[in-house]
Amino acid sequence: MAKVALVTGGARGIGRAIAEDLHRDHDVAITWRTTIPDGLAPNVLTIQADLSDPDAAPAIIGKVIERFGRLDVIVNNAGLIASSPKETFDAAALHDILDVNLLAPGALLSAALPYLKTGAAIVNVSSVNAVLPPRDASIYGASKAALNLWTRAMAKELGDFGIRVNAVAPGAIEIPEAPRPADLIEAFVAETALGRIGMPEDIARAVRFLASDEAPFITGEVLTVSGGYRL
C-alpha cells in the first residue's frame, strides 16, 4: 500500500513541485487557498482551506483519512510572505503571517497525531531568512526562525514514537508562476556560490529525501538548500 503525503500550499511553486515529486510513489493530498489547482494527476486530493483558520486543521486531516485511510508524511509548505516595515504596525496582517507559517503546522500535527505511526515524517519548509534577516519583512523571518525551533522541539518530543521532524530552508527560488525581474535574478545569482537561481524541483528533491526511508536516522535538522547563497 502506497504511503500517503499531505502537502500544504500545493497548487503552485515549491508546493506543487513537492506534490508532483512525491506523487511518483505516494498517494498525495494538497491544500490550496486562492490558487485553484489544475493539471495535477486526477487522483490527487485537493482541499481548499485557509490555514489561518484554527478549525481548518481537523477538517483537512479528516478529509485525508476519509479518502486514503492513513497519513505518513506531512509537508508544511504553505507560507505567507508579507512586509512588516518598522514604520507601521498592522497587527492583523502580522497575525496572519504567524498563523500560517508557525501555528498551522502545530495545528495539523495535533489533528494528525492519532493517525501517525512509527516511520512517519514531517518536513517543514522554512527559509534562509530564518537566519538572514530580510529587510522590511522581519516578522516573516522571525516566523521561519520560530518554525526552525519548533522543528527541533517536535523532533525531540516525537522521537519516542519513531516520528521524524525536519525542515528544508530554501534560498532564492524562481517560481515559474511568478517570475522575478531579470535584474533581481542576476543579483541573487551573484550572491550564490553555484552561480544559478534555485528551482522548485531543487527543494522537492530535498523534501523527498527527508521524508523517505533513506533518512531514517535524521531528525531535528534544518537542511539549507540555497546553492550556497550568501556564503
Foldseek 3Di string as FASTA:
>chain_A
DFAEEEFEPCQFFLNVLLQVVSVVGHAYEYEDAPRDHPDDPPRHHYHYDQQLDLPGQLVVLVVRCVSPVAHAEYELEDADFDFAAPVDHDPVVLSSRLSRLPVSVVSNCVNRVVRYAALGEYEYEAAPCCVVPDPRGNSNNVSSVVNLVVQLVVQVVCVVRNYAGEYEHEYAEATVVDGDDPVVQQVQLVQAQQNHGHYSNQVSVVSPCRRDPVPSPDHSYYHYRYNRGND
